[in-house]
PDB file of N, CA and C in Angstrom:
ATOM      1  N   UNK A   1       0.853  -1.184   0.000  1.00  0.00           N
ATOM      2  CA  UNK A   1       0.000   0.000   0.000  1.00  0.00           C
ATOM      3  C   UNK A   1       0.890   1.235   0.000  1.00  0.00           C
ATOM      4  N   UNK A   2       0.622   2.145  -0.880  1.00  0.00           N
ATOM      5  CA  UNK A   2       1.394   3.372  -0.986  1.00  0.00           C
ATOM      6  C   UNK A   2       0.721   4.479  -0.189  1.00  0.00           C
ATOM      7  N   UNK A   3       1.484   5.540   0.079  1.00  0.00           N
ATOM      8  CA  UNK A   3       0.939   6.683   0.817  1.00  0.00           C
ATOM      9  C   UNK A   3      -0.252   7.281   0.086  1.00  0.00           C
ATOM     10  N   UNK A   4      -0.194   7.292  -1.239  1.00  0.00           N
ATOM     11  CA  UNK A   4      -1.313   7.861  -2.003  1.00  0.00           C
ATOM     12  C   UNK A   4      -2.580   7.032  -1.829  1.00  0.00           C
ATOM     13  N   UNK A   5      -2.432   5.709  -1.648  1.00  0.00           N
ATOM     14  CA  UNK A   5      -3.600   4.860  -1.395  1.00  0.00           C
ATOM     15  C   UNK A   5      -4.244   5.221  -0.065  1.00  0.00           C
ATOM     16  N   UNK A   6      -3.402   5.450   0.948  1.00  0.00           N
ATOM     17  CA  UNK A   6      -3.916   5.843   2.262  1.00  0.00           C
ATOM     18  C   UNK A   6      -4.651   7.177   2.167  1.00  0.00           C
ATOM     19  N   UNK A   7      -4.055   8.137   1.459  1.00  0.00           N
ATOM     20  CA  UNK A   7      -4.687   9.452   1.309  1.00  0.00           C
ATOM     21  C   UNK A   7      -6.014   9.342   0.570  1.00  0.00           C
ATOM     22  N   UNK A   8      -6.064   8.509  -0.470  1.00  0.00           N
ATOM     23  CA  UNK A   8      -7.312   8.328  -1.210  1.00  0.00           C
ATOM     24  C   UNK A   8      -8.383   7.708  -0.328  1.00  0.00           C
ATOM     25  N   UNK A   9      -8.001   6.715   0.508  1.00  0.00           N
ATOM     26  CA  UNK A   9      -8.961   6.099   1.423  1.00  0.00           C
ATOM     27  C   UNK A   9      -9.462   7.108   2.446  1.00  0.00           C
ATOM     28  N   UNK A  10      -8.540   7.928   2.969  1.00  0.00           N
ATOM     29  CA  UNK A  10      -8.927   8.949   3.945  1.00  0.00           C
ATOM     30  C   UNK A  10      -9.865   9.964   3.300  1.00  0.00           C
ATOM     31  N   UNK A  11      -9.544  10.366   2.081  1.00  0.00           N
ATOM     32  CA  UNK A  11     -10.403  11.323   1.380  1.00  0.00           C
ATOM     33  C   UNK A  11     -11.777  10.725   1.106  1.00  0.00           C
ATOM     34  N   UNK A  12     -11.811   9.478   0.682  1.00  0.00           N
ATOM     35  CA  UNK A  12     -13.082   8.810   0.408  1.00  0.00           C
ATOM     36  C   UNK A  12     -13.924   8.723   1.671  1.00  0.00           C
ATOM     37  N   UNK A  13     -13.284   8.403   2.782  1.00  0.00           N
ATOM     38  CA  UNK A  13     -13.989   8.321   4.063  1.00  0.00           C
ATOM     39  C   UNK A  13     -14.549   9.684   4.470  1.00  0.00           C
ATOM     40  N   UNK A  14     -13.754  10.733   4.287  1.00  0.00           N
ATOM     41  CA  UNK A  14     -14.208  12.080   4.639  1.00  0.00           C
ATOM     42  C   UNK A  14     -15.348  12.529   3.729  1.00  0.00           C
ATOM     43  N   UNK A  15     -15.255  12.239   2.455  1.00  0.00           N
ATOM     44  CA  UNK A  15     -16.332  12.593   1.525  1.00  0.00           C
ATOM     45  C   UNK A  15     -17.617  11.876   1.914  1.00  0.00           C
ATOM     46  N   UNK A  16     -17.512  10.607   2.272  1.00  0.00           N
ATOM     47  CA  UNK A  16     -18.684   9.847   2.712  1.00  0.00           C
ATOM     48  C   UNK A  16     -19.306  10.477   3.956  1.00  0.00           C
ATOM     49  N   UNK A  17     -18.469  10.889   4.905  1.00  0.00           N
ATOM     50  CA  UNK A  17     -18.966  11.537   6.126  1.00  0.00           C
ATOM     51  C   UNK A  17     -19.660  12.854   5.795  1.00  0.00           C
ATOM     52  N   UNK A  18     -19.121  13.600   4.840  1.00  0.00           N
ATOM     53  CA  UNK A  18     -19.730  14.877   4.455  1.00  0.00           C
ATOM     54  C   UNK A  18     -21.085  14.661   3.784  1.00  0.00           C
ATOM     55  N   UNK A  19     -21.195  13.629   2.973  1.00  0.00           N
ATOM     56  CA  UNK A  19     -22.471  13.323   2.312  1.00  0.00           C
ATOM     57  C   UNK A  19     -23.514  12.931   3.355  1.00  0.00           C
ATOM     58  N   UNK A  20     -23.117  12.103   4.344  1.00  0.00           N
ATOM     59  CA  UNK A  20     -24.039  11.736   5.431  1.00  0.00           C
ATOM     60  C   UNK A  20     -24.464  12.978   6.204  1.00  0.00           C
ATOM     61  N   UNK A  21     -23.503  13.849   6.496  1.00  0.00           N
ATOM     62  CA  UNK A  21     -23.812  15.071   7.239  1.00  0.00           C
ATOM     63  C   UNK A  21     -24.791  15.941   6.464  1.00  0.00           C
ATOM     64  N   UNK A  22     -24.601  16.053   5.159  1.00  0.00           N
ATOM     65  CA  UNK A  22     -25.521  16.840   4.340  1.00  0.00           C
ATOM     66  C   UNK A  22     -26.936  16.281   4.437  1.00  0.00           C
ATOM     67  N   UNK A  23     -27.062  14.981   4.338  1.00  0.00           N
ATOM     68  CA  UNK A  23     -28.369  14.336   4.418  1.00  0.00           C
ATOM     69  C   UNK A  23     -29.030  14.591   5.773  1.00  0.00           C
ATOM     70  N   UNK A  24     -28.255  14.480   6.842  1.00  0.00           N
ATOM     71  CA  UNK A  24     -28.793  14.713   8.185  1.00  0.00           C
ATOM     72  C   UNK A  24     -29.200  16.171   8.354  1.00  0.00           C
ATOM     73  N   UNK A  25     -28.387  17.092   7.867  1.00  0.00           N
ATOM     74  CA  UNK A  25     -28.719  18.518   7.975  1.00  0.00           C
ATOM     75  C   UNK A  25     -30.011  18.821   7.225  1.00  0.00           C
ATOM     76  N   UNK A  26     -30.186  18.245   6.056  1.00  0.00           N
ATOM     77  CA  UNK A  26     -31.433  18.446   5.311  1.00  0.00           C
ATOM     78  C   UNK A  26     -32.624  17.892   6.086  1.00  0.00           C
ATOM     79  N   UNK A  27     -32.447  16.740   6.722  1.00  0.00           N
ATOM     80  CA  UNK A  27     -33.511  16.132   7.528  1.00  0.00           C
ATOM     81  C   UNK A  27     -33.856  17.008   8.731  1.00  0.00           C
ATOM     82  N   UNK A  28     -32.836  17.510   9.415  1.00  0.00           N
ATOM     83  CA  UNK A  28     -33.067  18.384  10.569  1.00  0.00           C
ATOM     84  C   UNK A  28     -33.768  19.674  10.137  1.00  0.00           C
ATOM     85  N   UNK A  29     -33.324  20.240   9.030  1.00  0.00           N
ATOM     86  CA  UNK A  29     -33.919  21.469   8.511  1.00  0.00           C
ATOM     87  C   UNK A  29     -35.387  21.250   8.164  1.00  0.00           C
ATOM     88  N   UNK A  30     -35.711  20.104   7.599  1.00  0.00           N
ATOM     89  CA  UNK A  30     -37.103  19.788   7.257  1.00  0.00           C
ATOM     90  C   UNK A  30     -37.979  19.734   8.506  1.00  0.00           C
ATOM     91  N   UNK A  31     -37.385  19.407   9.653  1.00  0.00           N
ATOM     92  CA  UNK A  31     -38.121  19.382  10.925  1.00  0.00           C
ATOM     93  C   UNK A  31     -38.203  20.769  11.566  1.00  0.00           C
ATOM     94  N   UNK A  32     -37.583  21.755  10.936  1.00  0.00           N
ATOM     95  CA  UNK A  32     -37.601  23.109  11.480  1.00  0.00           C
ATOM     96  C   UNK A  32     -36.495  23.368  12.486  1.00  0.00           C
ATOM     97  N   UNK A  33     -35.488  22.523  12.504  1.00  0.00           N
ATOM     98  CA  UNK A  33     -34.377  22.645  13.451  1.00  0.00           C
ATOM     99  C   UNK A  33     -33.268  23.478  12.817  1.00  0.00           C
ATOM    100  N   UNK A  34     -32.758  24.444  13.574  1.00  0.00           N
ATOM    101  CA  UNK A  34     -31.676  25.296  13.098  1.00  0.00           C
ATOM    102  C   UNK A  34     -30.329  24.656  13.415  1.00  0.00           C
ATOM    103  N   UNK A  35     -29.505  24.502  12.401  1.00  0.00           N
ATOM    104  CA  UNK A  35     -28.155  23.965  12.566  1.00  0.00           C
ATOM    105  C   UNK A  35     -27.211  25.136  12.812  1.00  0.00           C
ATOM    106  N   UNK A  36     -26.459  25.062  13.910  1.00  0.00           N
ATOM    107  CA  UNK A  36     -25.510  26.122  14.252  1.00  0.00           C
ATOM    108  C   UNK A  36     -24.154  25.910  13.591  1.00  0.00           C
ATOM    109  N   UNK A  37     -23.683  24.656  13.614  1.00  0.00           N
ATOM    110  CA  UNK A  37     -22.355  24.384  13.063  1.00  0.00           C
ATOM    111  C   UNK A  37     -22.180  22.891  12.830  1.00  0.00           C
ATOM    112  N   UNK A  38     -21.135  22.581  12.096  1.00  0.00           N
ATOM    113  CA  UNK A  38     -20.738  21.186  11.895  1.00  0.00           C
ATOM    114  C   UNK A  38     -19.228  21.117  12.035  1.00  0.00           C
ATOM    115  N   UNK A  39     -18.764  20.059  12.682  1.00  0.00           N
ATOM    116  CA  UNK A  39     -17.331  19.817  12.794  1.00  0.00           C
ATOM    117  C   UNK A  39     -17.107  18.319  12.637  1.00  0.00           C
ATOM    118  N   UNK A  40     -15.877  17.957  12.462  1.00  0.00           N
ATOM    119  CA  UNK A  40     -15.539  16.542  12.352  1.00  0.00           C
ATOM    120  C   UNK A  40     -14.627  16.182  13.507  1.00  0.00           C
ATOM    121  N   UNK A  41     -14.996  15.141  14.233  1.00  0.00           N
ATOM    122  CA  UNK A  41     -14.205  14.662  15.362  1.00  0.00           C
ATOM    123  C   UNK A  41     -13.848  13.208  15.082  1.00  0.00           C
ATOM    124  N   UNK A  42     -12.563  12.950  14.890  1.00  0.00           N
ATOM    125  CA  UNK A  42     -12.151  11.597  14.534  1.00  0.00           C
ATOM    126  C   UNK A  42     -12.715  11.149  13.200  1.00  0.00           C
ATOM    127  N   UNK A  43     -12.932  12.096  12.293  1.00  0.00           N
ATOM    128  CA  UNK A  43     -13.471  11.778  10.978  1.00  0.00           C
ATOM    129  C   UNK A  43     -14.974  11.597  10.940  1.00  0.00           C
ATOM    130  N   UNK A  44     -15.632  11.788  12.089  1.00  0.00           N
ATOM    131  CA  UNK A  44     -17.091  11.624  12.143  1.00  0.00           C
ATOM    132  C   UNK A  44     -17.757  12.981  12.339  1.00  0.00           C
ATOM    133  N   UNK A  45     -18.878  13.208  11.650  1.00  0.00           N
ATOM    134  CA  UNK A  45     -19.565  14.493  11.759  1.00  0.00           C
ATOM    135  C   UNK A  45     -20.212  14.691  13.133  1.00  0.00           C
ATOM    136  N   UNK A  46     -20.043  15.895  13.659  1.00  0.00           N
ATOM    137  CA  UNK A  46     -20.727  16.336  14.876  1.00  0.00           C
ATOM    138  C   UNK A  46     -21.475  17.609  14.491  1.00  0.00           C
ATOM    139  N   UNK A  47     -22.790  17.579  14.615  1.00  0.00           N
ATOM    140  CA  UNK A  47     -23.636  18.691  14.182  1.00  0.00           C
ATOM    141  C   UNK A  47     -24.258  19.336  15.412  1.00  0.00           C
ATOM    142  N   UNK A  48     -23.982  20.631  15.607  1.00  0.00           N
ATOM    143  CA  UNK A  48     -24.565  21.374  16.731  1.00  0.00           C
ATOM    144  C   UNK A  48     -25.834  22.061  16.247  1.00  0.00           C
ATOM    145  N   UNK A  49     -26.916  21.875  17.010  1.00  0.00           N
ATOM    146  CA  UNK A  49     -28.210  22.460  16.649  1.00  0.00           C
ATOM    147  C   UNK A  49     -28.725  23.331  17.784  1.00  0.00           C
ATOM    148  N   UNK A  50     -29.696  24.173  17.462  1.00  0.00           N
ATOM    149  CA  UNK A  50     -30.435  24.893  18.496  1.00  0.00           C
ATOM    150  C   UNK A  50     -31.399  23.922  19.156  1.00  0.00           C
ATOM    151  N   UNK A  51     -31.665  24.146  20.426  1.00  0.00           N
ATOM    152  CA  UNK A  51     -32.630  23.306  21.130  1.00  0.00           C
ATOM    153  C   UNK A  51     -33.980  23.404  20.413  1.00  0.00           C
ATOM    154  N   UNK A  52     -34.683  22.277  20.340  1.00  0.00           N
ATOM    155  CA  UNK A  52     -35.940  22.200  19.605  1.00  0.00           C
ATOM    156  C   UNK A  52     -36.819  21.167  20.294  1.00  0.00           C
ATOM    157  N   UNK A  53     -38.113  21.239  20.085  1.00  0.00           N
ATOM    158  CA  UNK A  53     -39.035  20.263  20.676  1.00  0.00           C
ATOM    159  C   UNK A  53     -38.659  18.832  20.290  1.00  0.00           C
ATOM    160  N   UNK A  54     -38.050  18.655  19.133  1.00  0.00           N
ATOM    161  CA  UNK A  54     -37.618  17.322  18.705  1.00  0.00           C
ATOM    162  C   UNK A  54     -36.578  16.744  19.668  1.00  0.00           C
ATOM    163  N   UNK A  55     -35.739  17.609  20.234  1.00  0.00           N
ATOM    164  CA  UNK A  55     -34.742  17.155  21.216  1.00  0.00           C
ATOM    165  C   UNK A  55     -35.440  16.568  22.437  1.00  0.00           C
ATOM    166  N   UNK A  56     -36.475  17.245  22.898  1.00  0.00           N
ATOM    167  CA  UNK A  56     -37.246  16.750  24.038  1.00  0.00           C
ATOM    168  C   UNK A  56     -37.905  15.413  23.691  1.00  0.00           C
ATOM    169  N   UNK A  57     -38.442  15.315  22.491  1.00  0.00           N
ATOM    170  CA  UNK A  57     -39.043  14.058  22.044  1.00  0.00           C
ATOM    171  C   UNK A  57     -38.002  12.940  22.049  1.00  0.00           C
ATOM    172  N   UNK A  58     -36.829  13.217  21.527  1.00  0.00           N
ATOM    173  CA  UNK A  58     -35.784  12.192  21.457  1.00  0.00           C
ATOM    174  C   UNK A  58     -35.342  11.746  22.850  1.00  0.00           C
ATOM    175  N   UNK A  59     -35.241  12.678  23.795  1.00  0.00           N
ATOM    176  CA  UNK A  59     -34.852  12.282  25.154  1.00  0.00           C
ATOM    177  C   UNK A  59     -35.975  11.512  25.837  1.00  0.00           C
ATOM    178  N   UNK A  60     -37.223  11.924  25.624  1.00  0.00           N
ATOM    179  CA  UNK A  60     -38.343  11.249  26.291  1.00  0.00           C
ATOM    180  C   UNK A  60     -38.554   9.826  25.773  1.00  0.00           C
ATOM    181  N   UNK A  61     -38.122   9.554  24.552  1.00  0.00           N
ATOM    182  CA  UNK A  61     -38.256   8.206  23.994  1.00  0.00           C
ATOM    183  C   UNK A  61     -36.982   7.378  24.172  1.00  0.00           C
ATOM    184  N   UNK A  62     -35.987   7.944  24.834  1.00  0.00           N
ATOM    185  CA  UNK A  62     -34.749   7.215  25.097  1.00  0.00           C
ATOM    186  C   UNK A  62     -33.782   7.169  23.934  1.00  0.00           C
ATOM    187  N   UNK A  63     -34.040   7.954  22.886  1.00  0.00           N
ATOM    188  CA  UNK A  63     -33.163   7.960  21.717  1.00  0.00           C
ATOM    189  C   UNK A  63     -32.071   9.016  21.820  1.00  0.00           C
ATOM    190  N   UNK A  64     -32.167   9.872  22.840  1.00  0.00           N
ATOM    191  CA  UNK A  64     -31.151  10.890  23.115  1.00  0.00           C
ATOM    192  C   UNK A  64     -30.922  10.917  24.614  1.00  0.00           C
ATOM    193  N   UNK A  65     -29.793  11.459  25.001  1.00  0.00           N
ATOM    194  CA  UNK A  65     -29.502  11.563  26.430  1.00  0.00           C
ATOM    195  C   UNK A  65     -28.667  12.810  26.684  1.00  0.00           C
ATOM    196  N   UNK A  66     -28.570  13.156  27.953  1.00  0.00           N
ATOM    197  CA  UNK A  66     -27.729  14.272  28.361  1.00  0.00           C
ATOM    198  C   UNK A  66     -26.402  13.701  28.828  1.00  0.00           C
ATOM    199  N   UNK A  67     -25.325  14.130  28.197  1.00  0.00           N
ATOM    200  CA  UNK A  67     -24.016  13.578  28.496  1.00  0.00           C
ATOM    201  C   UNK A  67     -23.134  14.516  29.293  1.00  0.00           C
ATOM    202  N   UNK A  68     -23.433  15.783  29.268  1.00  0.00           N
ATOM    203  CA  UNK A  68     -22.533  16.728  29.903  1.00  0.00           C
ATOM    204  C   UNK A  68     -23.333  17.792  30.625  1.00  0.00           C
ATOM    205  N   UNK A  69     -22.869  18.124  31.807  1.00  0.00           N
ATOM    206  CA  UNK A  69     -23.440  19.213  32.590  1.00  0.00           C
ATOM    207  C   UNK A  69     -22.284  20.129  32.945  1.00  0.00           C
ATOM    208  N   UNK A  70     -22.521  21.442  32.937  1.00  0.00           N
ATOM    209  CA  UNK A  70     -21.417  22.342  33.233  1.00  0.00           C
ATOM    210  C   UNK A  70     -21.873  23.746  33.540  1.00  0.00           C
ATOM    211  N   UNK A  71     -20.879  24.619  33.614  1.00  0.00           N
ATOM    212  CA  UNK A  71     -21.124  26.027  33.898  1.00  0.00           C
ATOM    213  C   UNK A  71     -20.337  26.845  32.877  1.00  0.00           C
ATOM    214  N   UNK A  72     -21.036  27.698  32.150  1.00  0.00           N
ATOM    215  CA  UNK A  72     -20.404  28.540  31.144  1.00  0.00           C
ATOM    216  C   UNK A  72     -20.634  30.005  31.448  1.00  0.00           C
ATOM    217  N   UNK A  73     -20.300  30.863  30.499  1.00  0.00           N
ATOM    218  CA  UNK A  73     -20.467  32.313  30.667  1.00  0.00           C
ATOM    219  C   UNK A  73     -21.912  32.702  30.929  1.00  0.00           C
ATOM    220  N   UNK A  74     -22.841  31.916  30.405  1.00  0.00           N
ATOM    221  CA  UNK A  74     -24.255  32.253  30.551  1.00  0.00           C
ATOM    222  C   UNK A  74     -24.933  31.433  31.637  1.00  0.00           C
ATOM    223  N   UNK A  75     -24.150  30.785  32.489  1.00  0.00           N
ATOM    224  CA  UNK A  75     -24.713  30.026  33.598  1.00  0.00           C
ATOM    225  C   UNK A  75     -24.598  28.526  33.402  1.00  0.00           C
ATOM    226  N   UNK A  76     -25.369  27.798  34.200  1.00  0.00           N
ATOM    227  CA  UNK A  76     -25.342  26.335  34.150  1.00  0.00           C
ATOM    228  C   UNK A  76     -26.025  25.830  32.877  1.00  0.00           C
ATOM    229  N   UNK A  77     -25.529  24.715  32.371  1.00  0.00           N
ATOM    230  CA  UNK A  77     -26.107  24.142  31.154  1.00  0.00           C
ATOM    231  C   UNK A  77     -26.008  22.621  31.197  1.00  0.00           C
ATOM    232  N   UNK A  78     -26.757  21.992  30.310  1.00  0.00           N
ATOM    233  CA  UNK A  78     -26.599  20.567  30.047  1.00  0.00           C
ATOM    234  C   UNK A  78     -26.567  20.383  28.540  1.00  0.00           C
ATOM    235  N   UNK A  79     -25.832  19.370  28.103  1.00  0.00           N
ATOM    236  CA  UNK A  79     -25.688  19.125  26.674  1.00  0.00           C
ATOM    237  C   UNK A  79     -26.273  17.762  26.328  1.00  0.00           C
ATOM    238  N   UNK A  80     -27.169  17.767  25.343  1.00  0.00           N
ATOM    239  CA  UNK A  80     -27.803  16.538  24.889  1.00  0.00           C
ATOM    240  C   UNK A  80     -27.166  16.034  23.612  1.00  0.00           C
ATOM    241  N   UNK A  81     -27.399  14.752  23.345  1.00  0.00           N
ATOM    242  CA  UNK A  81     -26.823  14.143  22.147  1.00  0.00           C
ATOM    243  C   UNK A  81     -27.700  12.988  21.665  1.00  0.00           C
ATOM    244  N   UNK A  82     -27.788  12.863  20.349  1.00  0.00           N
ATOM    245  CA  UNK A  82     -28.333  11.661  19.728  1.00  0.00           C
ATOM    246  C   UNK A  82     -27.578  11.425  18.429  1.00  0.00           C
ATOM    247  N   UNK A  83     -27.703  10.228  17.910  1.00  0.00           N
ATOM    248  CA  UNK A  83     -27.002   9.860  16.677  1.00  0.00           C
ATOM    249  C   UNK A  83     -28.032   9.622  15.584  1.00  0.00           C
ATOM    250  N   UNK A  84     -27.760  10.214  14.424  1.00  0.00           N
ATOM    251  CA  UNK A  84     -28.621  10.005  13.259  1.00  0.00           C
ATOM    252  C   UNK A  84     -27.727   9.724  12.063  1.00  0.00           C
ATOM    253  N   UNK A  85     -27.905   8.573  11.453  1.00  0.00           N
ATOM    254  CA  UNK A  85     -27.148   8.183  10.254  1.00  0.00           C
ATOM    255  C   UNK A  85     -25.635   8.360  10.422  1.00  0.00           C
ATOM    256  N   UNK A  86     -25.117   7.991  11.574  1.00  0.00           N
ATOM    257  CA  UNK A  86     -23.683   8.063  11.823  1.00  0.00           C
ATOM    258  C   UNK A  86     -23.168   9.432  12.209  1.00  0.00           C
ATOM    259  N   UNK A  87     -24.056  10.402  12.376  1.00  0.00           N
ATOM    260  CA  UNK A  87     -23.669  11.752  12.791  1.00  0.00           C
ATOM    261  C   UNK A  87     -24.124  11.990  14.228  1.00  0.00           C
ATOM    262  N   UNK A  88     -23.240  12.566  15.039  1.00  0.00           N
ATOM    263  CA  UNK A  88     -23.640  12.959  16.392  1.00  0.00           C
ATOM    264  C   UNK A  88     -24.324  14.314  16.307  1.00  0.00           C
ATOM    265  N   UNK A  89     -25.485  14.421  16.902  1.00  0.00           N
ATOM    266  CA  UNK A  89     -26.229  15.673  16.952  1.00  0.00           C
ATOM    267  C   UNK A  89     -26.176  16.142  18.400  1.00  0.00           C
ATOM    268  N   UNK A  90     -25.703  17.364  18.633  1.00  0.00           N
ATOM    269  CA  UNK A  90     -25.603  17.883  19.993  1.00  0.00           C
ATOM    270  C   UNK A  90     -26.330  19.211  20.108  1.00  0.00           C
ATOM    271  N   UNK A  91     -26.813  19.494  21.322  1.00  0.00           N
ATOM    272  CA  UNK A  91     -27.440  20.772  21.625  1.00  0.00           C
ATOM    273  C   UNK A  91     -27.222  21.062  23.097  1.00  0.00           C
ATOM    274  N   UNK A  92     -27.336  22.323  23.461  1.00  0.00           N
ATOM    275  CA  UNK A  92     -27.180  22.731  24.854  1.00  0.00           C
ATOM    276  C   UNK A  92     -28.460  23.370  25.344  1.00  0.00           C
ATOM    277  N   UNK A  93     -28.702  23.200  26.638  1.00  0.00           N
ATOM    278  CA  UNK A  93     -29.854  23.815  27.290  1.00  0.00           C
ATOM    279  C   UNK A  93     -29.375  24.533  28.539  1.00  0.00           C
ATOM    280  N   UNK A  94     -29.912  25.724  28.764  1.00  0.00           N
ATOM    281  CA  UNK A  94     -29.614  26.455  29.994  1.00  0.00           C
ATOM    282  C   UNK A  94     -30.410  25.864  31.137  1.00  0.00           C
ATOM    283  N   UNK A  95     -29.796  25.807  32.307  1.00  0.00           N
ATOM    284  CA  UNK A  95     -30.478  25.350  33.517  1.00  0.00           C
ATOM    285  C   UNK A  95     -30.733  26.572  34.383  1.00  0.00           C
ATOM    286  N   UNK A  96     -31.969  26.841  34.672  1.00  0.00           N
ATOM    287  CA  UNK A  96     -32.310  28.027  35.478  1.00  0.00           C
ATOM    288  C   UNK A  96     -32.827  27.605  36.819  1.00  0.00           C
TER     289      UNK A  96
END
């Protein structure tokens, strides 16, 4: 295996991840969910969204969970996550 083969495989994997992310973003948008950003962590898409009623639905049905609790500039928060088509979807909620 040559270095160029490795680069081609890495590029193919990244392109596949981007196509999946595009599909998920279109699906989220169709639900009325605002996408804030997308990043890649370990070659996998992580999509940050605004909190939406769908997030509450996903947590109430056990398809999403809260993984992180913390304190930021705007006070206490919790961060939720679910996976859709190989993409991690995350959002934050303020705790008052």
